[in-house]
Amino acid sequence: SMERVVRVRMDRTVCLQIWDACRDFGAAAARLTAAIRDSAVARRAPRAAENLDMFTSQQRLCDWMHDQVALHPFKLPATEDRQI
């Protein structure tokens, strides 16, 4: 059987610091999401808007950081990221 990491413990202060740094962006992201939802033009767009739900609360952001960052610390950058 293959062993794998399923949980990385992050100190609560890490989540608090990240939320503190991202709180204003989260509020702006929520306003943008509401504006897109209310826009007939945006709803007809051929591509979906970027999902920014992780910025809607401290817990969501902490969970997202854990799942997308902490569990993938050695993930190689995508080709697009290397070209920037």
Protein backbone atom coordinates (compact mmCIF):
# COMPACT_ATOMS: atom_id res chain seq x y z
CA SER A 1 0.00 0.00 0.00
CA MET A 2 1.16 3.53 -0.76
CA GLU A 3 1.64 5.85 2.17
CA ARG A 4 0.53 9.43 1.72
CA VAL A 5 0.10 12.58 3.76
CA VAL A 6 -3.57 13.30 4.40
CA ARG A 7 -3.32 16.14 6.89
CA VAL A 8 -0.74 18.82 7.70
CA ARG A 9 -1.17 20.62 10.98
CA MET A 10 -1.04 24.38 10.58
CA ASP A 11 -0.90 26.50 13.69
CA ARG A 12 -4.06 28.59 14.18
CA THR A 13 -1.98 31.77 14.01
CA VAL A 14 -1.13 30.94 10.38
CA CYS A 15 -4.82 30.96 9.46
CA LEU A 16 -5.39 34.18 11.39
CA GLN A 17 -2.47 35.92 9.65
CA ILE A 18 -3.59 34.77 6.21
CA TRP A 19 -7.16 35.88 6.84
CA ASP A 20 -5.96 39.23 8.18
CA ALA A 21 -3.93 39.77 5.00
CA CYS A 22 -6.76 38.63 2.69
CA ARG A 23 -9.88 39.98 4.43
CA ASP A 24 -10.17 43.14 2.28
CA PHE A 25 -9.62 41.12 -0.89
CA GLY A 26 -12.29 38.69 0.31
CA ALA A 27 -14.79 41.51 0.69
CA ALA A 28 -13.95 42.76 -2.82
CA ALA A 29 -14.25 39.21 -4.19
CA ALA A 30 -17.70 38.87 -2.60
CA ARG A 31 -18.83 42.14 -4.20
CA LEU A 32 -17.47 41.00 -7.56
CA THR A 33 -19.26 37.65 -7.29
CA ALA A 34 -22.53 39.43 -6.47
CA ALA A 35 -22.08 41.83 -9.39
CA ILE A 36 -21.41 38.95 -11.78
CA ARG A 37 -24.44 37.08 -10.47
CA ASP A 38 -26.58 40.19 -11.04
CA SER A 39 -25.21 40.88 -14.54
CA ALA A 40 -27.09 39.48 -17.52
CA VAL A 41 -24.03 40.07 -19.72
CA ALA A 42 -21.72 38.20 -17.33
CA ARG A 43 -24.12 35.26 -17.06
CA ARG A 44 -23.99 34.88 -20.88
CA ALA A 45 -20.18 34.84 -20.97
CA PRO A 46 -18.77 31.72 -22.63
CA ARG A 47 -16.37 31.12 -19.74
CA ALA A 48 -17.16 30.91 -16.05
CA ALA A 49 -15.77 33.49 -13.67
CA GLU A 50 -12.87 32.44 -11.48
CA ASN A 51 -14.02 30.76 -8.28
CA LEU A 52 -13.09 33.01 -5.35
CA ASP A 53 -15.22 31.25 -2.74
CA MET A 54 -12.17 30.46 -0.62
CA PHE A 55 -11.99 34.16 0.30
CA THR A 56 -15.52 34.35 1.72
CA SER A 57 -14.57 33.35 5.27
CA GLN A 58 -11.60 32.68 7.49
CA GLN A 59 -12.45 28.98 7.78
CA ARG A 60 -12.87 28.52 4.02
CA LEU A 61 -9.56 30.27 3.36
CA CYS A 62 -7.77 28.17 5.97
CA ASP A 63 -9.27 24.95 4.57
CA TRP A 64 -8.32 25.97 1.03
CA MET A 65 -4.76 26.86 2.07
CA HIS A 66 -4.45 23.49 3.76
CA ASP A 67 -5.79 21.52 0.79
CA GLN A 68 -4.18 23.47 -2.04
CA VAL A 69 -0.91 24.64 -0.49
CA ALA A 70 0.10 22.69 2.61
CA LEU A 71 -0.54 19.27 1.09
CA HIS A 72 1.34 20.15 -2.11
CA PRO A 73 4.56 21.80 -0.92
CA PHE A 74 6.74 20.29 -3.63
CA LYS A 75 4.38 20.62 -6.55
CA LEU A 76 6.23 21.77 -9.66
CA PRO A 77 4.94 24.99 -11.26
CA ALA A 78 2.77 24.63 -14.32
CA THR A 79 4.29 25.59 -17.69
CA GLU A 80 2.26 28.80 -17.68
CA ASP A 81 3.61 29.78 -14.25
CA ARG A 82 7.20 29.23 -15.32
CA GLN A 83 6.74 31.56 -18.28
CA ILE A 84 5.64 34.51 -16.16
